[in-house]
Amino acid sequence: MSAAKDTNGVLAVLIVGAGFSGVAMAIRCQQQGIGPISVIEKGPGIGGTWRENTYPGAACDVPSHLYSLSFAPKADWSRLYAKQLEIEDYLRGVAEQYGLMPLIRFGTTLRRAVWDEAGALWRAETDRGEILARAIVSGAGGLHHPSMPDIPGRTDFAGASFHTAAWDHSADLKGRRVGIVGTGASAIQVVPELAGHAGHLTVFQRTPPWIMPKNDRAIPEERKARYARFPVLRLLERWRLFWRLEFPALVGFTRVSKVTAQAEGMAKHNLRKAVPDKVLREKLTPQYRFGCKRVLLSDEYYPALQRDDVTLETGSIARIVPDGVEMADGTKHGLDALVFATGFDVLGGSLRTEVVGREGRRLAEAWADGMQAFQGITVAGFPNYFILLGPNTGIGHNSIIAMIEIQVDHVIGCLKALAEGRQAIEVSEPAQVRFVERIRNRMKESIWQAGGCRSWYLDNQGRNTTLWPDSVLAYRRSARRARMSDYRLR
């Protein structure tokens, strides 16, 4: 298969993004004989989230042998939880192994995609010209557009100031007074790296996270050798990890249940053991239910906060001034550098590219009342357009790679229907409505709605349009096979 267009100058499939989703989609298209295809990537290389997020301490919180494509195993992961660079290298190696590099156009950003009803194709406008394709698969993901807090004076700060997702490696933080805003997944990895490196580190916490032990360690060489020599052992380890993480979802992790209370007890025990000081421990104890926000894994965060050169600030920030941060109570923290570990703009990122479907309808209009898609993949009114890791397909308990592979299988089923002579495939409105209503009904009793917190999982209307409210197995049963009865074909 090649990136070359067919005789009409039209691609069979245009894939957007060269992270896990885009790479998996391209490989499966090749394996199924679907082509010609091309991948466009706005960055200069393979990796997606794992190429862009290079902050100190960046690592995965899913075990390495599970956080990989099922058809591209790696026997020699260096640690139980791989760090950023190793994951980026893995994904680049997979792309090279399957011959994807000639298919990828790096440094190419999709600006607009318009459905041409007469030609039954998409006109994709990029910063390097127009691309015509029968189908578009968006693997752009949502974790690459930084969300910056709306704090007065944020742009007035005179020192180095940046988001963790756009880490300024030229900034010399050694011996400096550094502030970090946020205590989410990125922060608990960055804080231990900066503690002891900065002259003084101030952590500005709005809401404490639930934290469980990570128990990360290097994988012994003899175990790597066994996995390489006996692939079945590596496969068994992958399955062991999958079921260990899947079990909580099967017994009620996604709802407020007995499992919630048991998990809270374990997390509080971990906190008591790690933080002897009662005052600090109280500041670090969440007041919402376990799982309402993303549960974090770390062995180093609590010890870092107890260093003499680290301050945990739990007051409200009033404003940022050129030389620091002023609190609502009038106190001031003088700073030389300010780091924002404040997450990503998931909804806004999804709509940065203008997508115009049938009868001129824009995706932004279709999602004006909140993001929604059938199986999180297809949207009524947008023929031959597919989204990987779309609405309500994120998970907080297992490997997101498993969800990606399920979605790729679904898209392949739709693309095969097109290859059999159909011009267009589009999810029916009734099928999408049934799916969305089922999700919303499940969400009413979910931990994210009933757990007493406000998280980035929720949209402006307080609805969770981000996560899947069940197990990976349930999603596999629901979404892996594309049923043509749910689609309109022509």
Protein backbone atom coordinates (compact mmCIF):
# COMPACT_ATOMS: atom_id res chain seq x y z
CA MET A 1 0.00 0.00 0.00
CA SER A 2 1.25 3.49 -0.66
CA ALA A 3 0.28 7.05 0.02
CA ALA A 4 -0.24 7.65 -3.68
CA LYS A 5 -3.74 8.60 -4.74
CA ASP A 6 -5.88 6.52 -7.07
CA THR A 7 -6.36 7.43 -10.72
CA ASN A 8 -8.99 10.02 -9.77
CA GLY A 9 -6.62 11.72 -7.33
CA VAL A 10 -8.74 10.61 -4.37
CA LEU A 11 -7.55 8.73 -1.30
CA ALA A 12 -9.64 5.89 0.07
CA VAL A 13 -8.88 7.05 3.61
CA LEU A 14 -7.24 10.12 5.10
CA ILE A 15 -6.09 9.52 8.67
CA VAL A 16 -5.49 12.55 10.91
CA GLY A 17 -2.83 12.18 13.58
CA ALA A 18 0.16 9.86 14.06
CA GLY A 19 -0.31 8.86 17.67
CA PHE A 20 -1.56 5.47 18.85
CA SER A 21 -4.95 5.90 17.14
CA GLY A 22 -3.60 6.99 13.76
CA VAL A 23 -0.85 4.37 13.68
CA ALA A 24 -3.24 1.55 14.63
CA MET A 25 -5.76 2.70 12.02
CA ALA A 26 -3.16 2.89 9.24
CA ILE A 27 -1.78 -0.56 10.00
CA ARG A 28 -5.22 -2.18 10.04
CA CYS A 29 -6.13 -0.50 6.72
CA GLN A 30 -2.98 -1.96 5.20
CA GLN A 31 -3.71 -5.41 6.60
CA GLN A 32 -7.26 -5.34 5.21
CA GLY A 33 -6.19 -4.11 1.78
CA ILE A 34 -7.97 -0.78 2.15
CA GLY A 35 -6.26 1.98 0.22
CA PRO A 36 -4.75 4.14 -0.96
CA ILE A 37 -4.32 5.84 2.42
CA SER A 38 -2.36 8.75 3.83
CA VAL A 39 -1.70 10.04 7.34
CA ILE A 40 -1.28 13.73 8.12
CA GLU A 41 0.44 14.81 11.35
CA LYS A 42 0.78 18.41 12.50
CA GLY A 43 3.98 17.66 14.41
CA PRO A 44 7.41 16.67 13.12
CA GLY A 45 7.27 13.04 14.23
CA ILE A 46 5.39 9.97 15.44
CA GLY A 47 3.98 9.80 18.95
CA GLY A 48 0.99 12.10 19.45
CA THR A 49 0.51 12.78 23.16
CA TRP A 50 3.77 10.99 23.91
CA ARG A 51 5.73 13.17 21.52
CA GLU A 52 4.27 16.45 22.75
CA ASN A 53 4.28 15.97 26.52
CA THR A 54 7.97 16.05 27.46
CA TYR A 55 7.77 17.54 30.96
CA PRO A 56 10.12 16.10 33.63
CA GLY A 57 8.77 12.84 35.02
CA ALA A 58 6.26 12.25 32.20
CA ALA A 59 5.26 8.59 32.32
CA CYS A 60 2.30 6.29 31.82
CA ASP A 61 0.05 5.20 34.68
CA VAL A 62 -0.98 1.98 32.91
CA PRO A 63 1.47 -0.96 33.05
CA SER A 64 3.80 -1.08 30.04
CA HIS A 65 2.85 -4.55 28.83
CA LEU A 66 -0.78 -3.44 28.64
CA TYR A 67 -0.13 0.03 27.26
CA SER A 68 0.86 -1.24 23.83
CA LEU A 69 -0.85 -2.45 20.67
CA SER A 70 -1.95 -6.09 20.90
CA PHE A 71 -0.48 -6.92 17.49
CA ALA A 72 2.85 -5.18 18.18
CA PRO A 73 4.16 -6.52 21.50
CA LYS A 74 7.39 -5.36 23.13
CA ALA A 75 9.22 -7.86 25.32
CA ASP A 76 11.86 -5.52 26.73
CA TRP A 77 9.97 -2.68 28.42
CA SER A 78 12.44 -1.17 30.89
CA ARG A 79 9.97 -0.46 33.70
CA LEU A 80 6.57 -1.62 34.95
CA TYR A 81 5.33 1.86 33.97
CA ALA A 82 7.11 3.22 30.91
CA LYS A 83 8.30 6.78 30.72
CA GLN A 84 7.45 9.21 27.92
CA LEU A 85 10.50 8.75 25.73
CA GLU A 86 10.29 4.94 25.75
CA ILE A 87 6.63 5.06 24.68
CA GLU A 88 7.43 7.54 21.91
CA ASP A 89 10.29 5.31 20.73
CA TYR A 90 8.00 2.25 20.82
CA LEU A 91 5.36 3.89 18.65
CA ARG A 92 7.95 5.15 16.17
CA GLY A 93 9.40 1.63 15.98
CA VAL A 94 5.95 0.17 15.26
CA ALA A 95 5.38 2.68 12.46
CA GLU A 96 8.74 1.79 10.94
CA GLN A 97 8.17 -1.95 11.35
CA TYR A 98 4.90 -1.77 9.42
CA GLY A 99 6.25 0.56 6.72
CA LEU A 100 4.10 3.55 7.61
CA MET A 101 6.71 6.29 7.35
CA PRO A 102 6.28 6.87 3.57
CA LEU A 103 2.53 7.26 4.16
CA ILE A 104 2.85 10.06 6.69
CA ARG A 105 2.96 13.76 5.84
CA PHE A 106 4.55 15.44 8.84
CA GLY A 107 4.13 19.14 9.57
CA THR A 108 0.68 19.11 7.98
CA THR A 109 -2.32 20.53 9.85
CA LEU A 110 -5.94 19.86 8.91
CA ARG A 111 -7.69 23.21 8.93
CA ARG A 112 -11.08 22.37 7.46
CA ALA A 113 -12.91 19.35 6.06
CA VAL A 114 -15.99 19.76 3.84
CA TRP A 115 -18.25 16.94 2.60
CA ASP A 116 -18.83 17.09 -1.16
CA GLU A 117 -22.24 15.48 -1.60
CA ALA A 118 -22.07 15.33 -5.40
CA GLY A 119 -18.67 13.68 -5.43
CA ALA A 120 -19.32 11.61 -2.27
CA LEU A 121 -15.95 12.61 -0.87
CA TRP A 122 -14.27 14.87 1.67
CA ARG A 123 -12.34 17.95 0.69
CA ALA A 124 -9.69 18.32 3.36
CA GLU A 125 -8.03 21.72 3.51
CA THR A 126 -4.57 21.60 5.08
CA ASP A 127 -1.87 24.22 5.47
CA ARG A 128 -0.10 22.42 2.62
CA GLY A 129 -2.93 22.19 0.14
CA GLU A 130 -6.14 20.29 -0.46
CA ILE A 131 -6.50 16.51 -0.09
CA LEU A 132 -9.46 14.57 -1.48
CA ALA A 133 -10.55 11.43 0.35
CA ARG A 134 -13.55 9.11 0.34
CA ALA A 135 -13.32 8.82 4.10
CA ILE A 136 -11.63 10.64 6.97
CA VAL A 137 -10.61 8.99 10.24
CA SER A 138 -9.72 11.48 12.97
CA GLY A 139 -7.11 10.17 15.38
CA ALA A 140 -6.25 13.65 16.62
CA GLY A 141 -7.07 12.91 20.27
CA GLY A 142 -7.83 15.43 22.98
CA LEU A 143 -4.71 15.67 25.14
CA HIS A 144 -2.66 18.19 23.20
CA HIS A 145 -4.43 21.55 23.53
CA PRO A 146 -3.44 23.02 26.94
CA SER A 147 -6.15 24.44 29.15
CA MET A 148 -4.96 27.63 30.83
CA PRO A 149 -6.70 28.89 33.97
CA ASP A 150 -8.58 32.16 33.91
CA ILE A 151 -6.54 33.87 36.63
CA PRO A 152 -6.29 37.69 36.59
CA GLY A 153 -2.82 38.89 35.61
CA ARG A 154 -1.68 35.55 34.17
CA THR A 155 0.00 37.23 31.20
CA ASP A 156 1.68 39.83 33.42
CA PHE A 157 4.13 37.41 35.01
CA ALA A 158 7.70 38.51 34.27
CA GLY A 159 9.51 35.20 34.72
CA ALA A 160 9.42 31.93 32.76
CA SER A 161 5.81 30.77 32.43
CA PHE A 162 4.51 27.74 30.54
CA HIS A 163 2.13 24.77 30.55
CA THR A 164 3.40 21.25 31.28
CA ALA A 165 2.29 20.19 27.77
CA ALA A 166 4.52 22.89 26.26
CA TRP A 167 7.49 22.52 28.60
CA ASP A 168 10.19 25.14 28.08
CA HIS A 169 13.38 23.08 28.32
CA SER A 170 15.45 26.23 27.86
CA ALA A 171 14.19 27.63 31.18
CA ASP A 172 16.78 27.12 33.93
CA LEU A 173 14.79 26.26 37.07
CA LYS A 174 17.72 25.08 39.18
CA GLY A 175 17.85 27.01 42.44
CA ARG A 176 14.89 29.18 41.41
CA ARG A 177 11.62 29.90 43.17
CA VAL A 178 9.13 27.89 41.16
CA GLY A 179 5.35 27.75 41.46
CA ILE A 180 3.20 24.99 39.98
CA VAL A 181 -0.55 25.50 39.57
CA GLY A 182 -2.59 22.30 39.67
CA THR A 183 -2.41 18.90 41.36
CA GLY A 184 -3.63 16.56 38.64
CA ALA A 185 -1.95 13.75 36.70
CA SER A 186 0.85 15.88 35.24
CA ALA A 187 1.55 17.73 38.49
CA ILE A 188 2.13 14.65 40.60
CA GLN A 189 4.79 13.56 38.12
CA VAL A 190 6.42 17.00 37.81
CA VAL A 191 6.47 17.92 41.51
CA PRO A 192 8.89 15.16 42.60
CA GLU A 193 11.20 16.09 39.72
CA LEU A 194 11.28 19.79 40.64
CA ALA A 195 11.50 19.24 44.39
CA GLY A 196 15.18 19.52 45.29
CA HIS A 197 16.05 20.90 41.86
CA ALA A 198 14.27 24.22 42.35
CA GLY A 199 15.48 26.46 45.16
CA HIS A 200 11.94 26.42 46.52
CA LEU A 201 8.79 24.89 45.06
CA THR A 202 5.29 26.15 45.84
CA VAL A 203 2.41 23.86 44.84
CA PHE A 204 -0.93 25.65 44.42
CA GLN A 205 -3.67 23.13 45.14
CA ARG A 206 -7.36 23.76 44.54
CA THR A 207 -8.60 20.18 45.07
CA PRO A 208 -6.51 17.27 46.39
CA PRO A 209 -6.51 14.08 44.29
CA TRP A 210 -7.04 10.52 45.45
CA ILE A 211 -3.65 8.82 45.17
CA MET A 212 -2.79 5.11 45.25
CA PRO A 213 0.69 3.54 45.36
CA LYS A 214 2.26 3.01 41.95
CA ASN A 215 4.91 0.46 42.97
CA ASP A 216 6.92 1.24 39.87
CA ARG A 217 10.29 -0.43 39.37
CA ALA A 218 12.70 -1.60 36.71
CA ILE A 219 11.89 -4.91 35.00
CA PRO A 220 14.77 -7.38 35.58
CA GLU A 221 16.82 -8.40 32.54
CA GLU A 222 16.07 -12.09 33.10
CA ARG A 223 12.32 -11.39 32.88
CA LYS A 224 12.77 -9.47 29.63
CA ALA A 225 14.75 -12.42 28.26
CA ARG A 226 11.97 -14.85 29.24
CA TYR A 227 9.33 -12.68 27.56
CA ALA A 228 11.43 -12.57 24.38
CA ARG A 229 12.12 -16.30 24.38
CA PHE A 230 8.61 -17.39 25.41
CA PRO A 231 6.04 -14.94 23.96
CA VAL A 232 3.22 -16.79 25.68
CA LEU A 233 4.55 -15.60 29.06
CA ARG A 234 4.36 -11.99 27.91
CA LEU A 235 0.85 -12.61 26.61
CA LEU A 236 -0.20 -14.14 29.94
CA GLU A 237 1.24 -11.11 31.76
CA ARG A 238 -0.76 -8.80 29.50
CA TRP A 239 -3.95 -10.68 30.25
CA ARG A 240 -3.20 -10.72 33.99
CA LEU A 241 -2.79 -6.94 33.95
CA PHE A 242 -5.94 -6.46 31.88
CA TRP A 243 -8.14 -8.46 34.26
CA ARG A 244 -6.58 -6.84 37.33
CA LEU A 245 -7.55 -3.41 36.02
CA GLU A 246 -10.86 -4.51 34.49
CA PHE A 247 -12.20 -6.16 37.65
CA PRO A 248 -13.14 -2.91 39.49
CA ALA A 249 -15.32 -1.80 36.56
CA LEU A 250 -17.07 -5.17 36.56
CA VAL A 251 -17.94 -4.91 40.26
CA GLY A 252 -19.06 -1.29 40.39
CA PHE A 253 -16.09 1.09 40.17
CA THR A 254 -18.00 3.39 37.81
CA ARG A 255 -20.79 3.88 40.38
CA VAL A 256 -20.93 4.88 44.04
CA SER A 257 -20.87 1.46 45.70
CA LYS A 258 -19.20 -0.66 48.38
CA VAL A 259 -16.18 -0.76 46.11
CA THR A 260 -15.97 3.04 46.39
CA ALA A 261 -15.76 2.92 50.19
CA GLN A 262 -13.21 0.10 50.11
CA ALA A 263 -11.02 2.02 47.67
CA GLU A 264 -11.25 5.15 49.80
CA GLY A 265 -10.11 3.17 52.81
CA MET A 266 -7.06 1.91 50.91
CA ALA A 267 -6.19 5.39 49.65
CA LYS A 268 -6.53 6.92 53.13
CA HIS A 269 -4.31 4.19 54.55
CA ASN A 270 -1.72 5.04 51.90
CA LEU A 271 -1.98 8.72 52.88
CA ARG A 272 -1.65 8.02 56.62
CA LYS A 273 1.39 5.83 56.05
CA ALA A 274 3.07 8.38 53.78
CA VAL A 275 2.21 11.62 55.63
CA PRO A 276 2.59 11.54 59.47
CA ASP A 277 1.75 15.24 59.88
CA LYS A 278 -1.98 15.54 60.61
CA VAL A 279 -2.29 19.11 59.36
CA LEU A 280 -0.73 18.33 55.99
CA ARG A 281 -2.65 15.08 55.78
CA GLU A 282 -5.93 16.96 56.24
CA LYS A 283 -5.02 19.27 53.36
CA LEU A 284 -4.34 16.24 51.18
CA THR A 285 -7.58 14.38 51.98
CA PRO A 286 -10.20 14.69 49.21
CA GLN A 287 -13.75 15.68 50.15
CA TYR A 288 -15.33 13.90 47.19
CA ARG A 289 -15.82 10.23 46.40
CA PHE A 290 -13.02 8.03 45.09
CA GLY A 291 -13.10 7.95 41.27
CA CYS A 292 -15.10 11.16 40.78
CA LYS A 293 -11.88 12.73 39.51
CA ARG A 294 -9.08 10.76 37.92
CA VAL A 295 -7.40 8.48 40.48
CA LEU A 296 -3.63 9.03 40.43
CA LEU A 297 -0.71 6.69 41.04
CA SER A 298 2.49 7.83 42.71
CA ASP A 299 5.11 6.70 45.22
CA GLU A 300 6.98 10.01 45.17
CA TYR A 301 4.40 12.81 45.40
CA TYR A 302 3.63 12.66 49.11
CA PRO A 303 7.32 12.48 50.12
CA ALA A 304 8.10 15.47 47.86
CA LEU A 305 5.47 17.63 49.59
CA GLN A 306 7.12 17.01 52.96
CA ARG A 307 10.47 18.48 51.98
CA ASP A 308 11.58 21.69 53.71
CA ASP A 309 11.97 23.39 50.33
CA VAL A 310 8.40 22.60 49.20
CA THR A 311 5.24 24.50 50.24
CA LEU A 312 1.68 23.28 49.66
CA GLU A 313 -0.64 26.28 49.26
CA THR A 314 -4.35 25.48 49.53
CA GLY A 315 -5.74 29.03 49.57
CA SER A 316 -7.43 30.73 46.64
CA ILE A 317 -5.31 32.61 44.12
CA ALA A 318 -6.46 36.21 43.76
CA ARG A 319 -4.13 37.27 40.96
CA ILE A 320 -0.79 36.74 39.31
CA VAL A 321 1.62 39.67 39.48
CA PRO A 322 4.95 40.18 37.65
CA ASP A 323 7.01 38.73 40.48
CA GLY A 324 4.71 36.08 41.93
CA VAL A 325 1.24 35.07 43.04
CA GLU A 326 -1.06 36.94 45.42
CA MET A 327 -3.58 34.96 47.44
CA ALA A 328 -7.12 35.92 48.43
CA ASP A 329 -6.03 36.31 52.07
CA GLY A 330 -3.43 38.91 51.07
CA THR A 331 -0.32 36.74 51.31
CA LYS A 332 2.13 36.71 48.43
CA HIS A 333 4.44 34.05 47.04
CA GLY A 334 7.45 35.50 45.24
CA LEU A 335 8.35 33.40 42.20
CA ASP A 336 10.92 33.29 39.40
CA ALA A 337 9.02 30.74 37.29
CA LEU A 338 5.43 29.56 37.02
CA VAL A 339 4.29 26.19 35.65
CA PHE A 340 0.66 25.44 34.80
CA ALA A 341 -0.29 21.78 35.25
CA THR A 342 -3.92 22.52 34.45
CA GLY A 343 -4.89 19.84 31.95
CA PHE A 344 -6.31 20.03 28.46
CA ASP A 345 -9.14 21.69 26.56
CA VAL A 346 -10.82 18.47 25.45
CA LEU A 347 -14.06 19.94 24.04
CA GLY A 348 -12.44 23.00 22.50
CA GLY A 349 -9.66 20.88 21.02
CA SER A 350 -12.19 18.64 19.29
CA LEU A 351 -13.69 21.64 17.50
CA ARG A 352 -10.53 23.47 16.49
CA THR A 353 -10.81 21.95 13.02
CA GLU A 354 -13.95 22.99 11.15
CA VAL A 355 -15.83 19.94 9.90
CA VAL A 356 -18.76 20.58 7.53
CA GLY A 357 -21.04 17.64 6.79
CA ARG A 358 -24.18 17.03 4.80
CA GLU A 359 -26.27 20.09 3.86
CA GLY A 360 -23.58 22.41 5.25
CA ARG A 361 -24.04 21.34 8.86
CA ARG A 362 -21.00 21.98 11.03
CA LEU A 363 -19.81 19.58 13.71
CA ALA A 364 -19.72 22.50 16.15
CA GLU A 365 -23.46 22.96 15.52
CA ALA A 366 -24.17 19.26 15.95
CA TRP A 367 -22.34 19.39 19.29
CA ALA A 368 -23.79 22.69 20.49
CA ASP A 369 -25.74 20.75 23.14
CA GLY A 370 -22.70 18.65 24.04
CA MET A 371 -20.43 16.18 22.26
CA GLN A 372 -22.18 13.01 21.13
CA ALA A 373 -21.50 10.23 18.64
CA PHE A 374 -22.74 6.72 17.99
CA GLN A 375 -20.36 4.40 19.85
CA GLY A 376 -18.23 7.54 20.21
CA ILE A 377 -17.19 7.01 16.57
CA THR A 378 -19.73 8.28 14.02
CA VAL A 379 -22.04 11.30 13.91
CA ALA A 380 -25.35 11.57 12.02
CA GLY A 381 -25.05 14.06 9.18
CA PHE A 382 -21.35 13.37 8.60
CA PRO A 383 -20.97 10.51 6.10
CA ASN A 384 -17.67 8.62 5.85
CA TYR A 385 -16.31 10.50 8.88
CA PHE A 386 -14.99 8.57 11.85
CA ILE A 387 -13.58 9.64 15.21
CA LEU A 388 -11.20 7.57 17.33
CA LEU A 389 -11.37 8.28 21.07
CA GLY A 390 -14.41 10.43 20.47
CA PRO A 391 -17.17 11.34 22.96
CA ASN A 392 -17.74 8.95 25.88
CA THR A 393 -14.94 6.54 25.00
CA GLY A 394 -12.30 7.56 27.54
CA ILE A 395 -11.75 5.27 30.51
CA GLY A 396 -10.24 5.75 33.94
CA HIS A 397 -9.59 2.17 35.00
CA ASN A 398 -7.84 0.31 32.17
CA SER A 399 -5.69 0.80 29.07
CA ILE A 400 -7.07 3.26 26.54
CA ILE A 401 -5.23 1.26 23.84
CA ALA A 402 -7.85 -1.46 24.23
CA MET A 403 -10.58 1.07 23.46
CA ILE A 404 -8.67 2.33 20.42
CA GLU A 405 -8.36 -1.17 18.95
CA ILE A 406 -12.09 -1.82 19.42
CA GLN A 407 -12.90 1.41 17.59
CA VAL A 408 -10.45 0.65 14.80
CA ASP A 409 -12.23 -2.68 14.22
CA HIS A 410 -15.56 -0.84 14.03
CA VAL A 411 -14.22 1.65 11.49
CA ILE A 412 -12.69 -1.13 9.40
CA GLY A 413 -16.15 -2.71 9.16
CA CYS A 414 -17.54 0.56 7.82
CA LEU A 415 -14.66 1.06 5.39
CA LYS A 416 -15.18 -2.45 4.03
CA ALA A 417 -18.77 -1.53 3.25
CA LEU A 418 -17.49 1.43 1.25
CA ALA A 419 -14.96 -0.78 -0.54
CA GLU A 420 -17.81 -3.04 -1.67
CA GLY A 421 -19.17 -0.28 -3.89
CA ARG A 422 -21.13 2.03 -1.60
CA GLN A 423 -20.51 5.72 -1.92
CA ALA A 424 -21.36 6.71 1.62
CA ILE A 425 -22.02 5.26 5.05
CA GLU A 426 -23.62 7.33 7.78
CA VAL A 427 -25.01 6.40 11.18
CA SER A 428 -28.78 6.74 11.33
CA GLU A 429 -30.24 9.40 13.60
CA PRO A 430 -32.36 6.87 15.58
CA ALA A 431 -29.31 4.66 16.25
CA GLN A 432 -27.32 7.62 17.52
CA VAL A 433 -30.19 8.87 19.70
CA ARG A 434 -30.65 5.42 21.26
CA PHE A 435 -26.94 5.16 22.04
CA VAL A 436 -26.66 8.67 23.51
CA GLU A 437 -29.76 8.17 25.68
CA ARG A 438 -28.37 4.89 26.97
CA ILE A 439 -25.12 6.62 27.91
CA ARG A 440 -26.89 9.54 29.60
CA ASN A 441 -29.09 7.21 31.62
CA ARG A 442 -26.03 5.29 32.81
CA MET A 443 -24.26 8.54 33.66
CA LYS A 444 -27.01 9.64 36.06
CA GLU A 445 -25.86 7.09 38.62
CA SER A 446 -22.17 7.22 37.74
CA ILE A 447 -19.42 8.20 40.15
CA TRP A 448 -18.62 11.23 37.96
CA GLN A 449 -22.12 12.65 38.35
CA ALA A 450 -22.84 11.52 41.91
CA GLY A 451 -19.38 11.67 43.45
CA GLY A 452 -19.48 15.27 44.65
CA CYS A 453 -16.80 16.82 42.43
CA ARG A 454 -16.39 18.96 39.36
CA SER A 455 -13.89 17.54 36.87
CA TRP A 456 -12.70 18.06 33.30
CA TYR A 457 -14.80 15.04 32.38
CA LEU A 458 -17.90 17.26 32.54
CA ASP A 459 -19.00 19.78 29.94
CA ASN A 460 -20.47 23.24 30.58
CA GLN A 461 -23.85 21.66 31.30
CA GLY A 462 -22.43 19.28 33.88
CA ARG A 463 -22.74 16.21 31.65
CA ASN A 464 -19.97 13.67 31.28
CA THR A 465 -19.34 13.55 27.53
CA THR A 466 -15.82 12.20 27.95
CA LEU A 467 -15.83 8.81 29.66
CA TRP A 468 -17.35 5.41 28.97
CA PRO A 469 -19.55 4.46 31.96
CA ASP A 470 -18.81 0.74 31.95
CA SER A 471 -16.13 -1.88 31.43
CA VAL A 472 -13.89 -2.35 28.38
CA LEU A 473 -15.62 -5.70 27.83
CA ALA A 474 -19.00 -3.96 27.68
CA TYR A 475 -17.67 -1.53 25.09
CA ARG A 476 -16.21 -4.39 23.09
CA ARG A 477 -19.60 -6.11 22.99
CA SER A 478 -21.30 -2.87 22.01
CA ALA A 479 -18.90 -1.40 19.47
CA ARG A 480 -16.40 -3.82 18.00
CA ARG A 481 -18.62 -4.96 15.12
CA ALA A 482 -20.21 -2.31 12.91
CA ARG A 483 -23.81 -3.45 12.37
CA MET A 484 -25.12 -2.19 9.06
CA SER A 485 -28.62 -1.97 10.54
CA ASP A 486 -27.36 1.07 12.50
CA TYR A 487 -26.14 2.79 9.32
CA ARG A 488 -27.52 4.33 6.15
CA LEU A 489 -25.72 3.11 3.03
CA ARG A 490 -25.87 4.49 -0.47
